[in-house]
PDB file of all heavy atoms in Angstrom:
ATOM      1  N   PRO A   1      94.406  87.435  85.946  1.00  0.00           N
ATOM      2  CA  PRO A   1      95.625  86.623  86.046  1.00  0.00           C
ATOM      3  C   PRO A   1      96.638  87.202  87.032  1.00  0.00           C
ATOM      4  O   PRO A   1      96.776  88.420  87.148  1.00  0.00           O
ATOM      5  CB  PRO A   1      96.172  86.620  84.612  1.00  0.00           C
ATOM      6  CG  PRO A   1      95.574  87.824  83.969  1.00  0.00           C
ATOM      7  CD  PRO A   1      94.233  88.017  84.607  1.00  0.00           C
ATOM      8  N   SER A   2      97.336  86.323  87.717  1.00  0.00           N
ATOM      9  CA  SER A   2      98.256  86.744  88.778  1.00  0.00           C
ATOM     10  C   SER A   2      99.410  87.582  88.260  1.00  0.00           C
ATOM     11  O   SER A   2      99.895  88.469  88.974  1.00  0.00           O
ATOM     12  CB  SER A   2      98.802  85.514  89.509  1.00  0.00           C
ATOM     13  OG  SER A   2      99.471  84.643  88.604  1.00  0.00           O
ATOM     14  N   ASN A   3      99.885  87.339  87.053  1.00  0.00           N
ATOM     15  CA  ASN A   3     101.006  88.130  86.549  1.00  0.00           C
ATOM     16  C   ASN A   3     100.626  89.592  86.363  1.00  0.00           C
ATOM     17  O   ASN A   3     101.453  90.487  86.553  1.00  0.00           O
ATOM     18  CB  ASN A   3     101.542  87.546  85.236  1.00  0.00           C
ATOM     19  CG  ASN A   3     102.382  86.305  85.479  1.00  0.00           C
ATOM     20  OD1 ASN A   3     102.480  85.820  86.594  1.00  0.00           O
ATOM     21  ND2 ASN A   3     103.001  85.780  84.436  1.00  0.00           N
ATOM     22  N   LEU A   4      99.391  89.850  85.974  1.00  0.00           N
ATOM     23  CA  LEU A   4      98.919  91.227  85.897  1.00  0.00           C
ATOM     24  C   LEU A   4      98.838  91.831  87.291  1.00  0.00           C
ATOM     25  O   LEU A   4      99.244  92.980  87.512  1.00  0.00           O
ATOM     26  CB  LEU A   4      97.552  91.273  85.216  1.00  0.00           C
ATOM     27  CG  LEU A   4      96.866  92.643  85.141  1.00  0.00           C
ATOM     28  CD1 LEU A   4      97.743  93.642  84.386  1.00  0.00           C
ATOM     29  CD2 LEU A   4      95.496  92.529  84.491  1.00  0.00           C
ATOM     30  N   VAL A   5      98.341  91.059  88.247  1.00  0.00           N
ATOM     31  CA  VAL A   5      98.231  91.536  89.625  1.00  0.00           C
ATOM     32  C   VAL A   5      99.606  91.862  90.187  1.00  0.00           C
ATOM     33  O   VAL A   5      99.800  92.902  90.845  1.00  0.00           O
ATOM     34  CB  VAL A   5      97.518  90.489  90.503  1.00  0.00           C
ATOM     35  CG1 VAL A   5      97.471  90.948  91.958  1.00  0.00           C
ATOM     36  CG2 VAL A   5      96.111  90.223  89.987  1.00  0.00           C
ATOM     37  N   LYS A   6     100.582  90.989  89.940  1.00  0.00           N
ATOM     38  CA  LYS A   6     101.944  91.212  90.457  1.00  0.00           C
ATOM     39  C   LYS A   6     102.524  92.523  89.956  1.00  0.00           C
ATOM     40  O   LYS A   6     103.274  93.200  90.660  1.00  0.00           O
ATOM     41  CB  LYS A   6     102.868  90.050  90.057  1.00  0.00           C
ATOM     42  CG  LYS A   6     102.704  88.831  90.925  1.00  0.00           C
ATOM     43  CD  LYS A   6     103.826  87.826  90.723  1.00  0.00           C
ATOM     44  CE  LYS A   6     103.669  87.054  89.434  1.00  0.00           C
ATOM     45  NZ  LYS A   6     104.634  85.922  89.350  1.00  0.00           N
ATOM     46  N   ALA A   7     102.187  92.892  88.725  1.00  0.00           N
ATOM     47  CA  ALA A   7     102.702  94.136  88.158  1.00  0.00           C
ATOM     48  C   ALA A   7     102.074  95.363  88.812  1.00  0.00           C
ATOM     49  O   ALA A   7     102.671  96.450  88.799  1.00  0.00           O
ATOM     50  CB  ALA A   7     102.446  94.165  86.649  1.00  0.00           C
ATOM     51  N   LEU A   8     100.885  95.194  89.407  1.00  0.00           N
ATOM     52  CA  LEU A   8     100.177  96.327  89.989  1.00  0.00           C
ATOM     53  C   LEU A   8     100.418  96.506  91.482  1.00  0.00           C
ATOM     54  O   LEU A   8     100.354  97.628  91.990  1.00  0.00           O
ATOM     55  CB  LEU A   8      98.666  96.160  89.760  1.00  0.00           C
ATOM     56  CG  LEU A   8      98.192  95.997  88.317  1.00  0.00           C
ATOM     57  CD1 LEU A   8      96.666  95.857  88.290  1.00  0.00           C
ATOM     58  CD2 LEU A   8      98.625  97.171  87.452  1.00  0.00           C
ATOM     59  N   VAL A   9     100.675  95.422  92.208  1.00  0.00           N
ATOM     60  CA  VAL A   9     100.745  95.468  93.669  1.00  0.00           C
ATOM     61  C   VAL A   9     101.745  96.506  94.192  1.00  0.00           C
ATOM     62  O   VAL A   9     101.408  97.278  95.110  1.00  0.00           O
ATOM     63  CB  VAL A   9     101.056  94.067  94.245  1.00  0.00           C
ATOM     64  CG1 VAL A   9     101.488  94.165  95.710  1.00  0.00           C
ATOM     65  CG2 VAL A   9      99.822  93.177  94.129  1.00  0.00           C
ATOM     66  N   PRO A  10     102.976  96.590  93.680  1.00  0.00           N
ATOM     67  CA  PRO A  10     103.907  97.597  94.220  1.00  0.00           C
ATOM     68  C   PRO A  10     103.368  99.021  94.139  1.00  0.00           C
ATOM     69  O   PRO A  10     103.505  99.800  95.090  1.00  0.00           O
ATOM     70  CB  PRO A  10     105.165  97.414  93.356  1.00  0.00           C
ATOM     71  CG  PRO A  10     105.085  95.999  92.874  1.00  0.00           C
ATOM     72  CD  PRO A  10     103.632  95.752  92.651  1.00  0.00           C
ATOM     73  N   GLN A  11     102.742  99.382  93.010  1.00  0.00           N
ATOM     74  CA  GLN A  11     102.179 100.727  92.884  1.00  0.00           C
ATOM     75  C   GLN A  11     100.996 100.936  93.812  1.00  0.00           C
ATOM     76  O   GLN A  11     100.863 101.989  94.433  1.00  0.00           O
ATOM     77  CB  GLN A  11     101.730 100.980  91.440  1.00  0.00           C
ATOM     78  CG  GLN A  11     102.846 101.339  90.489  1.00  0.00           C
ATOM     79  CD  GLN A  11     102.301 101.974  89.216  1.00  0.00           C
ATOM     80  OE1 GLN A  11     101.795 103.090  89.233  1.00  0.00           O
ATOM     81  NE2 GLN A  11     102.411 101.246  88.112  1.00  0.00           N
ATOM     82  N   LEU A  12     100.127  99.935  93.909  1.00  0.00           N
ATOM     83  CA  LEU A  12      98.967 100.063  94.784  1.00  0.00           C
ATOM     84  C   LEU A  12      99.399 100.237  96.236  1.00  0.00           C
ATOM     85  O   LEU A  12      98.810 101.026  96.983  1.00  0.00           O
ATOM     86  CB  LEU A  12      98.067  98.831  94.655  1.00  0.00           C
ATOM     87  CG  LEU A  12      97.319  98.681  93.323  1.00  0.00           C
ATOM     88  CD1 LEU A  12      96.549  97.361  93.307  1.00  0.00           C
ATOM     89  CD2 LEU A  12      96.368  99.846  93.109  1.00  0.00           C
ATOM     90  N   GLU A  13     100.422  99.507  96.635  1.00  0.00           N
ATOM     91  CA  GLU A  13     100.893  99.575  98.021  1.00  0.00           C
ATOM     92  C   GLU A  13     101.581 100.906  98.318  1.00  0.00           C
ATOM     93  O   GLU A  13     101.438 101.469  99.404  1.00  0.00           O
ATOM     94  CB  GLU A  13     101.841  98.409  98.318  1.00  0.00           C
ATOM     95  CG  GLU A  13     102.126  98.212  99.788  1.00  0.00           C
ATOM     96  CD  GLU A  13     102.744  96.868 100.091  1.00  0.00           C
ATOM     97  OE1 GLU A  13     103.033  96.110  99.137  1.00  0.00           O
ATOM     98  OE2 GLU A  13     102.945  96.562 101.276  1.00  0.00           O
ATOM     99  N   LYS A  14     102.296 101.436  97.347  1.00  0.00           N
ATOM    100  CA  LYS A  14     103.066 102.663  97.562  1.00  0.00           C
ATOM    101  C   LYS A  14     102.272 103.922  97.248  1.00  0.00           C
ATOM    102  O   LYS A  14     102.313 104.907  97.997  1.00  0.00           O
ATOM    103  CB  LYS A  14     104.332 102.636  96.699  1.00  0.00           C
ATOM    104  CG  LYS A  14     105.256 103.828  96.924  1.00  0.00           C
ATOM    105  CD  LYS A  14     106.517 103.704  96.082  1.00  0.00           C
ATOM    106  CE  LYS A  14     107.433 104.900  96.300  1.00  0.00           C
ATOM    107  NZ  LYS A  14     108.665 104.800  95.464  1.00  0.00           N
ATOM    108  N   GLU A  15     101.522 103.910  96.143  1.00  0.00           N
ATOM    109  CA  GLU A  15     100.859 105.116  95.668  1.00  0.00           C
ATOM    110  C   GLU A  15      99.346 105.116  95.883  1.00  0.00           C
ATOM    111  O   GLU A  15      98.720 106.176  95.856  1.00  0.00           O
ATOM    112  CB  GLU A  15     101.134 105.317  94.165  1.00  0.00           C
ATOM    113  CG  GLU A  15     102.606 105.304  93.793  1.00  0.00           C
ATOM    114  CD  GLU A  15     103.365 106.486  94.351  1.00  0.00           C
ATOM    115  OE1 GLU A  15     102.711 107.496  94.692  1.00  0.00           O
ATOM    116  OE2 GLU A  15     104.597 106.416  94.455  1.00  0.00           O
ATOM    117  N   GLY A  16      98.743 103.941  96.038  1.00  0.00           N
ATOM    118  CA  GLY A  16      97.308 103.871  96.212  1.00  0.00           C
ATOM    119  C   GLY A  16      96.524 103.788  94.917  1.00  0.00           C
ATOM    120  O   GLY A  16      95.320 103.575  94.911  1.00  0.00           O
ATOM    121  N   SER A  17      97.203 103.973  93.789  1.00  0.00           N
ATOM    122  CA  SER A  17      96.566 103.876  92.481  1.00  0.00           C
ATOM    123  C   SER A  17      97.633 103.454  91.481  1.00  0.00           C
ATOM    124  O   SER A  17      98.814 103.332  91.823  1.00  0.00           O
ATOM    125  CB  SER A  17      95.931 105.208  92.073  1.00  0.00           C
ATOM    126  OG  SER A  17      96.899 106.242  92.044  1.00  0.00           O
ATOM    127  N   VAL A  18      97.222 103.252  90.238  1.00  0.00           N
ATOM    128  CA  VAL A  18      98.143 102.772  89.208  1.00  0.00           C
ATOM    129  C   VAL A  18      98.347 103.863  88.154  1.00  0.00           C
ATOM    130  O   VAL A  18      97.377 104.429  87.639  1.00  0.00           O
ATOM    131  CB  VAL A  18      97.600 101.495  88.534  1.00  0.00           C
ATOM    132  CG1 VAL A  18      98.516 101.059  87.394  1.00  0.00           C
ATOM    133  CG2 VAL A  18      97.460 100.373  89.562  1.00  0.00           C
ATOM    134  N   THR A  19      99.604 104.156  87.860  1.00  0.00           N
ATOM    135  CA  THR A  19      99.953 105.092  86.795  1.00  0.00           C
ATOM    136  C   THR A  19     100.437 104.287  85.603  1.00  0.00           C
ATOM    137  O   THR A  19     101.345 103.464  85.730  1.00  0.00           O
ATOM    138  CB  THR A  19     101.057 106.064  87.246  1.00  0.00           C
ATOM    139  OG1 THR A  19     100.593 106.788  88.400  1.00  0.00           O
ATOM    140  CG2 THR A  19     101.397 107.045  86.144  1.00  0.00           C
ATOM    141  N   ARG A  20      99.829 104.520  84.451  1.00  0.00           N
ATOM    142  CA  ARG A  20     100.129 103.724  83.264  1.00  0.00           C
ATOM    143  C   ARG A  20     100.758 104.586  82.173  1.00  0.00           C
ATOM    144  O   ARG A  20     100.462 105.783  82.063  1.00  0.00           O
ATOM    145  CB  ARG A  20      98.847 103.072  82.720  1.00  0.00           C
ATOM    146  CG  ARG A  20      98.274 102.012  83.637  1.00  0.00           C
ATOM    147  CD  ARG A  20      96.983 101.451  83.069  1.00  0.00           C
ATOM    148  NE  ARG A  20      96.592 100.227  83.760  1.00  0.00           N
ATOM    149  CZ  ARG A  20      95.838 100.186  84.837  1.00  0.00           C
ATOM    150  NH1 ARG A  20      95.377 101.309  85.348  1.00  0.00           N
ATOM    151  NH2 ARG A  20      95.539  99.041  85.414  1.00  0.00           N
ATOM    152  N   ALA A  21     101.573 103.936  81.359  1.00  0.00           N
ATOM    153  CA  ALA A  21     102.110 104.609  80.180  1.00  0.00           C
ATOM    154  C   ALA A  21     101.011 104.741  79.127  1.00  0.00           C
ATOM    155  O   ALA A  21      99.995 104.031  79.168  1.00  0.00           O
ATOM    156  CB  ALA A  21     103.297 103.835  79.623  1.00  0.00           C
ATOM    157  N   TRP A  22     101.257 105.633  78.159  1.00  0.00           N
ATOM    158  CA  TRP A  22     100.177 106.008  77.229  1.00  0.00           C
ATOM    159  C   TRP A  22     100.775 106.465  75.909  1.00  0.00           C
ATOM    160  O   TRP A  22     101.814 107.131  75.878  1.00  0.00           O
ATOM    161  CB  TRP A  22      99.374 107.121  77.878  1.00  0.00           C
ATOM    162  CG  TRP A  22      98.218 107.675  77.094  1.00  0.00           C
ATOM    163  CD1 TRP A  22      97.063 107.047  76.773  1.00  0.00           C
ATOM    164  CD2 TRP A  22      98.096 109.005  76.577  1.00  0.00           C
ATOM    165  NE1 TRP A  22      96.217 107.894  76.088  1.00  0.00           N
ATOM    166  CE2 TRP A  22      96.828 109.109  75.958  1.00  0.00           C
ATOM    167  CE3 TRP A  22      98.937 110.127  76.590  1.00  0.00           C
ATOM    168  CZ2 TRP A  22      96.379 110.278  75.341  1.00  0.00           C
ATOM    169  CZ3 TRP A  22      98.495 111.287  75.989  1.00  0.00           C
ATOM    170  CH2 TRP A  22      97.235 111.355  75.364  1.00  0.00           C
ATOM    171  N   LEU A  23     100.122 106.073  74.823  1.00  0.00           N
ATOM    172  CA  LEU A  23     100.542 106.507  73.487  1.00  0.00           C
ATOM    173  C   LEU A  23      99.606 107.558  72.898  1.00  0.00           C
ATOM    174  O   LEU A  23     100.043 108.424  72.151  1.00  0.00           O
ATOM    175  CB  LEU A  23     100.579 105.297  72.540  1.00  0.00           C
ATOM    176  CG  LEU A  23     101.894 104.543  72.400  1.00  0.00           C
ATOM    177  CD1 LEU A  23     101.714 103.361  71.462  1.00  0.00           C
ATOM    178  CD2 LEU A  23     102.987 105.469  71.872  1.00  0.00           C
ATOM    179  N   GLY A  24      98.336 107.463  73.196  1.00  0.00           N
ATOM    180  CA  GLY A  24      97.377 108.397  72.630  1.00  0.00           C
ATOM    181  C   GLY A  24      96.933 108.011  71.231  1.00  0.00           C
ATOM    182  O   GLY A  24      96.974 108.837  70.309  1.00  0.00           O
ATOM    183  N   VAL A  25      96.509 106.755  71.067  1.00  0.00           N
ATOM    184  CA  VAL A  25      96.093 106.266  69.751  1.00  0.00           C
ATOM    185  C   VAL A  25      94.787 105.485  69.872  1.00  0.00           C
ATOM    186  O   VAL A  25      94.439 104.994  70.939  1.00  0.00           O
ATOM    187  CB  VAL A  25      97.160 105.341  69.124  1.00  0.00           C
ATOM    188  CG1 VAL A  25      98.456 106.094  68.884  1.00  0.00           C
ATOM    189  CG2 VAL A  25      97.410 104.109  70.002  1.00  0.00           C
ATOM    190  N   GLY A  26      94.079 105.368  68.765  1.00  0.00           N
ATOM    191  CA  GLY A  26      92.994 104.415  68.646  1.00  0.00           C
ATOM    192  C   GLY A  26      93.520 103.194  67.921  1.00  0.00           C
ATOM    193  O   GLY A  26      94.386 103.309  67.049  1.00  0.00           O
ATOM    194  N   ILE A  27      93.036 102.008  68.282  1.00  0.00           N
ATOM    195  CA  ILE A  27      93.583 100.786  67.692  1.00  0.00           C
ATOM    196  C   ILE A  27      92.483  99.799  67.356  1.00  0.00           C
ATOM    197  O   ILE A  27      91.370  99.880  67.888  1.00  0.00           O
ATOM    198  CB  ILE A  27      94.599 100.096  68.637  1.00  0.00           C
ATOM    199  CG1 ILE A  27      93.921  99.734  69.973  1.00  0.00           C
ATOM    200  CG2 ILE A  27      95.841 100.924  68.853  1.00  0.00           C
ATOM    201  CD1 ILE A  27      94.783  98.885  70.869  1.00  0.00           C
ATOM    202  N   GLN A  28      92.791  98.860  66.482  1.00  0.00           N
ATOM    203  CA  GLN A  28      91.948  97.700  66.230  1.00  0.00           C
ATOM    204  C   GLN A  28      92.847  96.546  65.805  1.00  0.00           C
ATOM    205  O   GLN A  28      94.012  96.750  65.437  1.00  0.00           O
ATOM    206  CB  GLN A  28      90.893  97.982  65.162  1.00  0.00           C
ATOM    207  CG  GLN A  28      91.416  98.098  63.754  1.00  0.00           C
ATOM    208  CD  GLN A  28      90.305  98.322  62.734  1.00  0.00           C
ATOM    209  OE1 GLN A  28      89.849  99.452  62.542  1.00  0.00           O
ATOM    210  NE2 GLN A  28      89.891  97.250  62.070  1.00  0.00           N
ATOM    211  N   ASP A  29      92.309  95.334  65.864  1.00  0.00           N
ATOM    212  CA  ASP A  29      93.085  94.157  65.493  1.00  0.00           C
ATOM    213  C   ASP A  29      93.329  94.118  63.985  1.00  0.00           C
ATOM    214  O   ASP A  29      92.455  94.491  63.184  1.00  0.00           O
ATOM    215  CB  ASP A  29      92.343  92.881  65.905  1.00  0.00           C
ATOM    216  CG  ASP A  29      92.228  92.731  67.403  1.00  0.00           C
ATOM    217  OD1 ASP A  29      92.932  93.455  68.133  1.00  0.00           O
ATOM    218  OD2 ASP A  29      91.419  91.893  67.844  1.00  0.00           O
ATOM    219  N   LEU A  30      94.503  93.647  63.631  1.00  0.00           N
ATOM    220  CA  LEU A  30      94.782  93.355  62.221  1.00  0.00           C
ATOM    221  C   LEU A  30      94.234  91.965  61.909  1.00  0.00           C
ATOM    222  O   LEU A  30      94.559  90.995  62.584  1.00  0.00           O
ATOM    223  CB  LEU A  30      96.286  93.391  61.958  1.00  0.00           C
ATOM    224  CG  LEU A  30      96.723  93.026  60.535  1.00  0.00           C
ATOM    225  CD1 LEU A  30      96.251  94.078  59.540  1.00  0.00           C
ATOM    226  CD2 LEU A  30      98.246  92.853  60.464  1.00  0.00           C
ATOM    227  N   THR A  31      93.374  91.869  60.897  1.00  0.00           N
ATOM    228  CA  THR A  31      92.834  90.583  60.458  1.00  0.00           C
ATOM    229  C   THR A  31      93.462  90.204  59.123  1.00  0.00           C
ATOM    230  O   THR A  31      94.122  91.020  58.471  1.00  0.00           O
ATOM    231  CB  THR A  31      91.317  90.660  60.299  1.00  0.00           C
ATOM    232  OG1 THR A  31      90.999  91.594  59.242  1.00  0.00           O
ATOM    233  CG2 THR A  31      90.652  91.120  61.591  1.00  0.00           C
ATOM    234  N   ARG A  32      93.221  88.974  58.686  1.00  0.00           N
ATOM    235  CA  ARG A  32      93.759  88.537  57.394  1.00  0.00           C
ATOM    236  C   ARG A  32      93.185  89.360  56.245  1.00  0.00           C
ATOM    237  O   ARG A  32      93.902  89.727  55.309  1.00  0.00           O
ATOM    238  CB  ARG A  32      93.470  87.050  57.180  1.00  0.00           C
ATOM    239  CG  ARG A  32      94.289  86.139  58.076  1.00  0.00           C
ATOM    240  CD  ARG A  32      94.065  84.672  57.756  1.00  0.00           C
ATOM    241  NE  ARG A  32      94.914  83.834  58.589  1.00  0.00           N
ATOM    242  CZ  ARG A  32      96.173  83.500  58.279  1.00  0.00           C
ATOM    243  NH1 ARG A  32      96.704  83.940  57.150  1.00  0.00           N
ATOM    244  NH2 ARG A  32      96.870  82.726  59.085  1.00  0.00           N
ATOM    245  N   ASP A  33      91.899  89.659  56.335  1.00  0.00           N
ATOM    246  CA  ASP A  33      91.285  90.454  55.277  1.00  0.00           C
ATOM    247  C   ASP A  33      91.882  91.856  55.226  1.00  0.00           C
ATOM    248  O   ASP A  33      92.176  92.382  54.143  1.00  0.00           O
ATOM    249  CB  ASP A  33      89.772  90.534  55.492  1.00  0.00           C
ATOM    250  CG  ASP A  33      89.077  89.212  55.193  1.00  0.00           C
ATOM    251  OD1 ASP A  33      89.697  88.360  54.526  1.00  0.00           O
ATOM    252  OD2 ASP A  33      87.924  89.035  55.638  1.00  0.00           O
ATOM    253  N   LEU A  34      92.049  92.463  56.413  1.00  0.00           N
ATOM    254  CA  LEU A  34      92.633  93.804  56.440  1.00  0.00           C
ATOM    255  C   LEU A  34      94.099  93.777  55.996  1.00  0.00           C
ATOM    256  O   LEU A  34      94.573  94.703  55.325  1.00  0.00           O
ATOM    257  CB  LEU A  34      92.521  94.399  57.848  1.00  0.00           C
ATOM    258  CG  LEU A  34      91.114  94.840  58.271  1.00  0.00           C
ATOM    259  CD1 LEU A  34      91.098  95.223  59.746  1.00  0.00           C
ATOM    260  CD2 LEU A  34      90.646  96.011  57.409  1.00  0.00           C
TER     261      LEU A  34
END
């Protein structure tokens, strides 16, 4: 999707790669049963 691309283009153009924020967790979806 283009909105994801738009968020990356400035970093790619300036830095050559993407630096992302991080929490350091494992995750799964919450379901109705859970």
